[in-house]
Amino acid sequence: MDALDRRIIAALRLNGRATYAELGRTVGLSASSVHERVGKLEAAGVITGYHAVVDPSTVGLGVTALVGIQPTDTAADDDVAEALGSLVEVESCYAVAGDEAFVVKVRVSTVDELERTLGRLRRIDGVARTRTTVVLSTRFEARPNNEGLDEPPEEGA
């Protein structure tokens, strides 16, 4: 991955709907060259997908919570993570250091639905307990961090 690829990635992270022509103007390449580079980045697994960013409250998901998952002593993390992934309410799952093995982001329609979801989380085999933080408001979320994408990586990094 060279400096031009990094600039293309940075531009796509800001606007995933940019055309190849627009990307080309941004990075100084032809649309066909950008198309070829993007295809290679996708094939290499650098670009893993494209999606629409939706305001959760407009689709009925007005309650967000961060839930720490503390496993039992005998829990297999992979099994717990697989079970967490089967719950549609769980948007993200992070393996973390500390007392908890995972922190998950949950989105639901109501506080009552959050209570039901927490019950389902607690019933997962291998979950000892949960610790929940309800989000009051979201100041920003999923913003692209393009730090370093406009510069080549340091030698030896």
C-alpha atoms as a PDB file:
ATOM      1  CA  MET A   1       0.000   0.000   0.000  1.00  0.00           C
ATOM      2  CA  ASP A   2       1.574   3.257  -1.115  1.00  0.00           C
ATOM      3  CA  ALA A   3       0.853   6.925  -0.350  1.00  0.00           C
ATOM      4  CA  LEU A   4      -1.781   7.159  -3.119  1.00  0.00           C
ATOM      5  CA  ASP A   5      -3.653   4.144  -1.760  1.00  0.00           C
ATOM      6  CA  ARG A   6      -3.608   5.754   1.685  1.00  0.00           C
ATOM      7  CA  ARG A   7      -5.043   8.996   0.253  1.00  0.00           C
ATOM      8  CA  ILE A   8      -7.772   7.058  -1.583  1.00  0.00           C
ATOM      9  CA  ILE A   9      -8.685   5.272   1.664  1.00  0.00           C
ATOM     10  CA  ALA A  10      -8.808   8.587   3.534  1.00  0.00           C
ATOM     11  CA  ALA A  11     -11.100  10.080   0.880  1.00  0.00           C
ATOM     12  CA  LEU A  12     -13.396   7.036   0.913  1.00  0.00           C
ATOM     13  CA  ARG A  13     -13.626   7.123   4.700  1.00  0.00           C
ATOM     14  CA  LEU A  14     -14.914  10.694   4.419  1.00  0.00           C
ATOM     15  CA  ASN A  15     -17.284   9.932   1.538  1.00  0.00           C
ATOM     16  CA  GLY A  16     -17.893   6.283   0.712  1.00  0.00           C
ATOM     17  CA  ARG A  17     -20.176   7.307  -2.160  1.00  0.00           C
ATOM     18  CA  ALA A  18     -17.510   9.289  -3.996  1.00  0.00           C
ATOM     19  CA  THR A  19     -17.203   8.337  -7.653  1.00  0.00           C
ATOM     20  CA  TYR A  20     -13.933   7.115  -9.078  1.00  0.00           C
ATOM     21  CA  ALA A  21     -13.708  10.408 -10.990  1.00  0.00           C
ATOM     22  CA  GLU A  22     -14.127  12.405  -7.769  1.00  0.00           C
ATOM     23  CA  LEU A  23     -11.544  10.263  -6.007  1.00  0.00           C
ATOM     24  CA  GLY A  24      -9.218  10.686  -8.961  1.00  0.00           C
ATOM     25  CA  ARG A  25      -9.473  14.468  -8.770  1.00  0.00           C
ATOM     26  CA  THR A  26      -8.741  14.301  -5.047  1.00  0.00           C
ATOM     27  CA  VAL A  27      -5.611  12.166  -5.397  1.00  0.00           C
ATOM     28  CA  GLY A  28      -4.448  13.219  -8.869  1.00  0.00           C
ATOM     29  CA  LEU A  29      -5.163  10.008 -10.794  1.00  0.00           C
ATOM     30  CA  SER A  30      -7.503   8.986 -13.592  1.00  0.00           C
ATOM     31  CA  ALA A  31     -10.818   7.385 -12.685  1.00  0.00           C
ATOM     32  CA  SER A  32      -9.671   4.069 -14.190  1.00  0.00           C
ATOM     33  CA  SER A  33      -6.495   4.084 -12.090  1.00  0.00           C
ATOM     34  CA  VAL A  34      -8.511   4.759  -8.938  1.00  0.00           C
ATOM     35  CA  HIS A  35     -10.958   1.989  -9.899  1.00  0.00           C
ATOM     36  CA  GLU A  36      -8.082  -0.470 -10.263  1.00  0.00           C
ATOM     37  CA  ARG A  37      -6.506   0.577  -6.958  1.00  0.00           C
ATOM     38  CA  VAL A  38      -9.815   0.371  -5.065  1.00  0.00           C
ATOM     39  CA  GLY A  39     -10.388  -3.110  -6.508  1.00  0.00           C
ATOM     40  CA  LYS A  40      -6.974  -4.220  -5.268  1.00  0.00           C
ATOM     41  CA  LEU A  41      -7.614  -2.699  -1.829  1.00  0.00           C
ATOM     42  CA  GLU A  42     -10.933  -4.588  -1.657  1.00  0.00           C
ATOM     43  CA  ALA A  43      -9.329  -7.856  -2.798  1.00  0.00           C
ATOM     44  CA  ALA A  44      -6.570  -7.467  -0.193  1.00  0.00           C
ATOM     45  CA  GLY A  45      -9.145  -6.986   2.571  1.00  0.00           C
ATOM     46  CA  VAL A  46      -8.094  -3.409   3.318  1.00  0.00           C
ATOM     47  CA  ILE A  47     -11.506  -2.089   2.269  1.00  0.00           C
ATOM     48  CA  THR A  48     -14.018  -4.493   3.768  1.00  0.00           C
ATOM     49  CA  GLY A  49     -17.314  -2.880   2.783  1.00  0.00           C
ATOM     50  CA  TYR A  50     -19.480   0.188   2.328  1.00  0.00           C
ATOM     51  CA  HIS A  51     -22.552   1.150   4.322  1.00  0.00           C
ATOM     52  CA  ALA A  52     -25.077   3.880   4.934  1.00  0.00           C
ATOM     53  CA  VAL A  53     -24.845   5.845   8.173  1.00  0.00           C
ATOM     54  CA  VAL A  54     -28.339   6.116   9.668  1.00  0.00           C
ATOM     55  CA  ASP A  55     -29.552   8.128  12.653  1.00  0.00           C
ATOM     56  CA  PRO A  56     -30.651   5.309  15.002  1.00  0.00           C
ATOM     57  CA  SER A  57     -33.465   7.305  16.607  1.00  0.00           C
ATOM     58  CA  THR A  58     -35.115   7.867  13.212  1.00  0.00           C
ATOM     59  CA  VAL A  59     -35.464   4.093  12.761  1.00  0.00           C
ATOM     60  CA  GLY A  60     -36.813   3.480  16.248  1.00  0.00           C
ATOM     61  CA  LEU A  61     -33.579   2.678  18.075  1.00  0.00           C
ATOM     62  CA  GLY A  62     -33.520   5.555  20.546  1.00  0.00           C
ATOM     63  CA  VAL A  63     -31.825   3.786  23.473  1.00  0.00           C
ATOM     64  CA  THR A  64     -28.104   3.026  23.382  1.00  0.00           C
ATOM     65  CA  ALA A  65     -26.156   1.286  26.132  1.00  0.00           C
ATOM     66  CA  LEU A  66     -22.606   0.114  26.629  1.00  0.00           C
ATOM     67  CA  VAL A  67     -22.561  -3.190  28.456  1.00  0.00           C
ATOM     68  CA  GLY A  68     -19.492  -4.705  30.076  1.00  0.00           C
ATOM     69  CA  ILE A  69     -19.552  -8.509  30.038  1.00  0.00           C
ATOM     70  CA  GLN A  70     -17.691 -10.311  32.809  1.00  0.00           C
ATOM     71  CA  PRO A  71     -17.231 -14.005  32.013  1.00  0.00           C
ATOM     72  CA  THR A  72     -17.324 -16.974  34.319  1.00  0.00           C
ATOM     73  CA  ASP A  73     -13.996 -18.571  35.210  1.00  0.00           C
ATOM     74  CA  THR A  74     -14.635 -21.421  32.781  1.00  0.00           C
ATOM     75  CA  ALA A  75     -16.034 -19.381  29.884  1.00  0.00           C
ATOM     76  CA  ALA A  76     -14.506 -19.680  26.442  1.00  0.00           C
ATOM     77  CA  ASP A  77     -14.234 -16.148  25.042  1.00  0.00           C
ATOM     78  CA  ASP A  78     -14.861 -17.305  21.480  1.00  0.00           C
ATOM     79  CA  ASP A  79     -18.099 -19.017  22.499  1.00  0.00           C
ATOM     80  CA  VAL A  80     -19.299 -15.972  24.453  1.00  0.00           C
ATOM     81  CA  ALA A  81     -18.418 -13.662  21.535  1.00  0.00           C
ATOM     82  CA  GLU A  82     -20.296 -15.915  19.103  1.00  0.00           C
ATOM     83  CA  ALA A  83     -23.378 -15.855  21.347  1.00  0.00           C
ATOM     84  CA  LEU A  84     -23.147 -12.052  21.677  1.00  0.00           C
ATOM     85  CA  GLY A  85     -22.971 -11.818  17.885  1.00  0.00           C
ATOM     86  CA  SER A  86     -26.223 -13.727  17.556  1.00  0.00           C
ATOM     87  CA  LEU A  87     -28.181 -10.939  19.291  1.00  0.00           C
ATOM     88  CA  VAL A  88     -29.404  -8.386  16.755  1.00  0.00           C
ATOM     89  CA  GLU A  89     -29.414  -5.671  19.422  1.00  0.00           C
ATOM     90  CA  VAL A  90     -25.625  -5.938  19.791  1.00  0.00           C
ATOM     91  CA  GLU A  91     -24.085  -3.543  17.258  1.00  0.00           C
ATOM     92  CA  SER A  92     -20.444  -3.805  18.293  1.00  0.00           C
ATOM     93  CA  CYS A  93     -18.376  -6.116  20.472  1.00  0.00           C
ATOM     94  CA  TYR A  94     -14.929  -5.237  21.781  1.00  0.00           C
ATOM     95  CA  ALA A  95     -12.593  -7.610  23.610  1.00  0.00           C
ATOM     96  CA  VAL A  96     -11.077  -5.484  26.378  1.00  0.00           C
ATOM     97  CA  ALA A  97      -8.544  -5.602  29.193  1.00  0.00           C
ATOM     98  CA  GLY A  98      -9.761  -5.351  32.781  1.00  0.00           C
ATOM     99  CA  ASP A  99     -12.444  -7.069  34.838  1.00  0.00           C
ATOM    100  CA  GLU A 100     -14.676  -7.463  31.802  1.00  0.00           C
ATOM    101  CA  ALA A 101     -13.750  -9.562  28.799  1.00  0.00           C
ATOM    102  CA  PHE A 102     -16.037  -7.652  26.415  1.00  0.00           C
ATOM    103  CA  VAL A 103     -17.812  -4.355  26.056  1.00  0.00           C
ATOM    104  CA  VAL A 104     -20.775  -4.404  23.687  1.00  0.00           C
ATOM    105  CA  LYS A 105     -22.796  -1.550  22.237  1.00  0.00           C
ATOM    106  CA  VAL A 106     -26.508  -2.293  22.325  1.00  0.00           C
ATOM    107  CA  ARG A 107     -29.249  -0.340  20.521  1.00  0.00           C
ATOM    108  CA  VAL A 108     -32.914  -0.882  21.272  1.00  0.00           C
ATOM    109  CA  SER A 109     -36.197   0.988  21.012  1.00  0.00           C
ATOM    110  CA  THR A 110     -37.073   1.470  24.684  1.00  0.00           C
ATOM    111  CA  VAL A 111     -35.732   1.071  28.198  1.00  0.00           C
ATOM    112  CA  ASP A 112     -38.101  -1.888  28.615  1.00  0.00           C
ATOM    113  CA  GLU A 113     -36.498  -3.525  25.584  1.00  0.00           C
ATOM    114  CA  LEU A 114     -33.065  -2.791  27.077  1.00  0.00           C
ATOM    115  CA  GLU A 115     -34.102  -4.648  30.226  1.00  0.00           C
ATOM    116  CA  ARG A 116     -35.180  -7.672  28.146  1.00  0.00           C
ATOM    117  CA  THR A 117     -31.917  -7.547  26.173  1.00  0.00           C
ATOM    118  CA  LEU A 118     -29.862  -7.444  29.366  1.00  0.00           C
ATOM    119  CA  GLY A 119     -31.736 -10.536  30.526  1.00  0.00           C
ATOM    120  CA  ARG A 120     -30.800 -12.314  27.287  1.00  0.00           C
ATOM    121  CA  LEU A 121     -27.167 -11.227  27.711  1.00  0.00           C
ATOM    122  CA  ARG A 122     -27.054 -12.561  31.273  1.00  0.00           C
ATOM    123  CA  ARG A 123     -28.463 -15.920  30.161  1.00  0.00           C
ATOM    124  CA  ILE A 124     -25.604 -16.520  27.714  1.00  0.00           C
ATOM    125  CA  ASP A 125     -23.575 -19.517  28.866  1.00  0.00           C
ATOM    126  CA  GLY A 126     -20.294 -18.162  30.218  1.00  0.00           C
ATOM    127  CA  VAL A 127     -21.560 -14.711  31.285  1.00  0.00           C
ATOM    128  CA  ALA A 128     -21.161 -14.180  35.036  1.00  0.00           C
ATOM    129  CA  ARG A 129     -22.461 -10.608  35.188  1.00  0.00           C
ATOM    130  CA  THR A 130     -22.943  -7.416  33.235  1.00  0.00           C
ATOM    131  CA  ARG A 131     -22.354  -3.730  33.944  1.00  0.00           C
ATOM    132  CA  THR A 132     -24.487  -1.319  31.940  1.00  0.00           C
ATOM    133  CA  THR A 133     -23.988   2.335  31.086  1.00  0.00           C
ATOM    134  CA  VAL A 134     -26.951   3.985  29.370  1.00  0.00           C
ATOM    135  CA  VAL A 135     -25.980   6.638  26.827  1.00  0.00           C
ATOM    136  CA  LEU A 136     -27.790   9.939  27.416  1.00  0.00           C
ATOM    137  CA  SER A 137     -26.648  11.573  24.175  1.00  0.00           C
ATOM    138  CA  THR A 138     -24.126  10.908  21.430  1.00  0.00           C
ATOM    139  CA  ARG A 139     -21.742  13.784  20.769  1.00  0.00           C
ATOM    140  CA  PHE A 140     -20.091  12.020  17.846  1.00  0.00           C
ATOM    141  CA  GLU A 141     -19.809   8.461  16.631  1.00  0.00           C
ATOM    142  CA  ALA A 142     -18.050   6.450  13.942  1.00  0.00           C
ATOM    143  CA  ARG A 143     -16.094   9.423  12.687  1.00  0.00           C
ATOM    144  CA  PRO A 144     -13.285   8.492  10.328  1.00  0.00           C
ATOM    145  CA  ASN A 145      -9.831   8.660  11.877  1.00  0.00           C
ATOM    146  CA  ASN A 146      -7.581   9.368   8.920  1.00  0.00           C
ATOM    147  CA  GLU A 147      -4.534  10.112  11.075  1.00  0.00           C
ATOM    148  CA  GLY A 148      -1.483   8.992   9.160  1.00  0.00           C
ATOM    149  CA  LEU A 149      -3.334   8.050   5.979  1.00  0.00           C
ATOM    150  CA  ASP A 150      -2.073  11.152   4.206  1.00  0.00           C
ATOM    151  CA  GLU A 151       1.530  10.248   5.055  1.00  0.00           C
ATOM    152  CA  PRO A 152       3.557   7.128   4.272  1.00  0.00           C
ATOM    153  CA  PRO A 153       4.125   4.794   7.233  1.00  0.00           C
ATOM    154  CA  GLU A 154       7.367   5.194   9.144  1.00  0.00           C
ATOM    155  CA  GLU A 155      10.205   2.833   8.259  1.00  0.00           C
ATOM    156  CA  GLY A 156      10.091  -0.350  10.306  1.00  0.00           C
ATOM    157  CA  ALA A 157       6.465   0.217  11.356  1.00  0.00           C
END
